[in-house]
Amino acid sequence: MYWITYLALIVGGVLGAASLIIKKKPEAADIIGKISPYQGIIGIVLLVWGIIKLLSAFAWLGAGLAGIVGFATAIVMILLGFLLGFSLIAKFLGEKGENLFKKISPFQGILGIIGILVGLFWLLANFGIFGEGFQWAAWLF
């Protein structure tokens, strides 16, 4: 299940930072264009999975730096998932949801880049690159 989390973070991050990526690499527009129809679904998956991970992340906070990174990752998943999936959940959230969307949407590119970096971090941590402490935490995440 953890591989799905890493991939969802990386793909969601690419979608979130699409405008920034396309500015730097215009040839990436084709690839991003192929996955952008699934933006809402990927956003909902990140949002729901981020909420589940946040609930379990409270137990990780005692695990030192790995626990703090896991907690922060869950927050990034929730925010990025909310932004990417907003078009699908807007009718359920009403005006309060739209106000929240307006407040955090300017940070979508930054959250996208953070999502890519965090997804890559946990992927590498799974292979033990950052030491044993992060390797066992990667299995939990």
Protein backbone atom coordinates (compact mmCIF):
# COMPACT_ATOMS: atom_id res chain seq x y z
CA MET A 1 0.00 0.00 0.00
CA TYR A 2 2.90 2.32 0.68
CA TRP A 3 3.94 2.32 -2.99
CA ILE A 4 0.52 3.69 -3.91
CA THR A 5 1.04 6.48 -1.39
CA TYR A 6 4.41 7.41 -2.89
CA LEU A 7 3.09 7.35 -6.45
CA ALA A 8 -0.03 9.32 -5.53
CA LEU A 9 2.12 11.97 -3.86
CA ILE A 10 4.45 12.23 -6.84
CA VAL A 11 1.70 12.27 -9.48
CA GLY A 12 -0.45 14.63 -7.39
CA GLY A 13 2.58 16.86 -6.93
CA VAL A 14 3.18 16.94 -10.68
CA LEU A 15 -0.45 17.92 -11.25
CA GLY A 16 -0.30 20.53 -8.50
CA ALA A 17 2.89 22.06 -9.86
CA ALA A 18 1.93 21.59 -13.53
CA SER A 19 2.11 25.28 -14.42
CA LEU A 20 5.55 25.63 -12.81
CA ILE A 21 6.84 22.49 -14.52
CA ILE A 22 5.52 23.52 -17.93
CA LYS A 23 7.16 26.95 -17.60
CA LYS A 24 10.55 25.28 -17.11
CA LYS A 25 10.01 22.33 -19.46
CA PRO A 26 7.36 23.04 -22.13
CA GLU A 27 7.77 19.52 -23.54
CA ALA A 28 6.31 18.14 -20.28
CA ALA A 29 2.90 19.55 -21.24
CA ASP A 30 2.09 16.40 -23.27
CA ILE A 31 2.75 14.04 -20.38
CA ILE A 32 0.95 16.22 -17.84
CA GLY A 33 -1.93 16.59 -20.29
CA LYS A 34 -2.35 12.80 -20.32
CA ILE A 35 -2.79 12.56 -16.54
CA SER A 36 -4.70 15.81 -15.96
CA PRO A 37 -8.13 14.25 -16.72
CA TYR A 38 -7.61 12.17 -13.56
CA GLN A 39 -6.74 15.19 -11.40
CA GLY A 40 -9.99 15.14 -9.43
CA ILE A 41 -9.82 11.43 -8.69
CA ILE A 42 -6.17 11.64 -7.66
CA GLY A 43 -7.08 14.60 -5.46
CA ILE A 44 -9.85 12.69 -3.70
CA VAL A 45 -7.53 9.71 -3.15
CA LEU A 46 -4.88 12.00 -1.66
CA LEU A 47 -7.43 13.78 0.52
CA VAL A 48 -8.98 10.62 1.96
CA TRP A 49 -5.67 8.81 2.33
CA GLY A 50 -4.12 11.93 3.90
CA ILE A 51 -6.91 12.08 6.51
CA ILE A 52 -6.39 8.40 7.34
CA LYS A 53 -2.63 8.94 7.58
CA LEU A 54 -3.10 12.04 9.72
CA LEU A 55 -5.13 10.07 12.24
CA SER A 56 -2.40 7.46 12.52
CA ALA A 57 0.38 10.09 12.38
CA PHE A 58 -0.43 11.29 15.89
CA ALA A 59 1.06 8.01 17.13
CA TRP A 60 4.21 8.65 15.09
CA LEU A 61 5.00 11.99 16.70
CA GLY A 62 6.90 10.19 19.43
CA ALA A 63 9.11 8.54 16.82
CA GLY A 64 11.41 11.54 16.43
CA LEU A 65 12.17 13.15 13.11
CA ALA A 66 10.56 10.34 11.09
CA GLY A 67 7.30 10.87 12.94
CA ILE A 68 7.36 14.62 12.35
CA VAL A 69 8.05 14.12 8.64
CA GLY A 70 5.21 11.59 8.47
CA PHE A 71 2.85 14.03 10.15
CA ALA A 72 3.86 16.83 7.77
CA THR A 73 3.43 14.48 4.81
CA ALA A 74 -0.15 13.75 5.85
CA ILE A 75 -0.87 17.49 5.99
CA VAL A 76 0.60 17.97 2.49
CA MET A 77 -1.53 15.08 1.20
CA ILE A 78 -4.70 16.63 2.64
CA LEU A 79 -4.04 20.12 1.27
CA LEU A 80 -2.92 18.93 -2.15
CA GLY A 81 -5.79 16.46 -2.34
CA PHE A 82 -8.27 19.20 -1.43
CA LEU A 83 -6.93 21.48 -4.16
CA LEU A 84 -6.81 18.80 -6.86
CA GLY A 85 -10.17 17.27 -5.96
CA PHE A 86 -12.04 20.50 -5.32
CA SER A 87 -13.96 20.35 -8.59
CA LEU A 88 -15.48 17.03 -7.52
CA ILE A 89 -16.28 17.94 -3.91
CA ALA A 90 -17.22 21.62 -4.26
CA LYS A 91 -20.97 20.97 -4.22
CA PHE A 92 -20.67 19.19 -0.86
CA LEU A 93 -18.57 21.88 0.80
CA GLY A 94 -20.58 24.99 0.04
CA GLU A 95 -19.34 28.52 0.59
CA LYS A 96 -16.94 27.67 3.44
CA GLY A 97 -15.15 25.16 1.22
CA GLU A 98 -14.90 27.67 -1.59
CA ASN A 99 -13.45 30.29 0.76
CA LEU A 100 -10.86 27.78 1.97
CA PHE A 101 -10.03 26.88 -1.64
CA LYS A 102 -9.48 30.57 -2.47
CA LYS A 103 -7.14 30.94 0.51
CA ILE A 104 -4.89 27.99 -0.24
CA SER A 105 -5.06 27.83 -4.07
CA PRO A 106 -2.21 30.37 -4.49
CA PHE A 107 0.03 27.78 -2.83
CA GLN A 108 -0.88 24.93 -5.19
CA GLY A 109 2.42 25.06 -7.09
CA ILE A 110 4.46 25.07 -3.90
CA LEU A 111 2.38 22.23 -2.43
CA GLY A 112 2.87 20.32 -5.69
CA ILE A 113 6.64 20.65 -5.47
CA ILE A 114 6.57 19.64 -1.81
CA GLY A 115 4.39 16.64 -2.74
CA ILE A 116 6.91 15.51 -5.36
CA LEU A 117 9.81 15.91 -2.92
CA VAL A 118 8.04 14.16 -0.07
CA GLY A 119 6.96 11.29 -2.33
CA LEU A 120 10.54 10.85 -3.53
CA PHE A 121 11.82 11.14 0.05
CA TRP A 122 9.59 8.31 1.29
CA LEU A 123 10.42 6.23 -1.77
CA LEU A 124 14.13 6.56 -1.02
CA ALA A 125 13.54 6.06 2.71
CA ASN A 126 11.86 2.76 1.90
CA PHE A 127 15.18 1.57 0.48
CA GLY A 128 17.00 2.57 3.68
CA ILE A 129 18.92 5.48 2.18
CA PHE A 130 18.21 7.72 5.18
CA GLY A 131 18.89 5.09 7.82
CA GLU A 132 16.89 2.53 9.72
CA GLY A 133 14.71 5.04 11.54
CA PHE A 134 13.22 6.32 8.32
CA GLN A 135 13.08 2.89 6.72
CA TRP A 136 10.65 1.46 9.27
CA ALA A 137 8.64 4.68 9.15
CA ALA A 138 8.40 4.38 5.37
CA TRP A 139 6.75 0.99 5.83
CA LEU A 140 4.18 2.56 8.13
CA PHE A 141 3.49 5.30 5.65
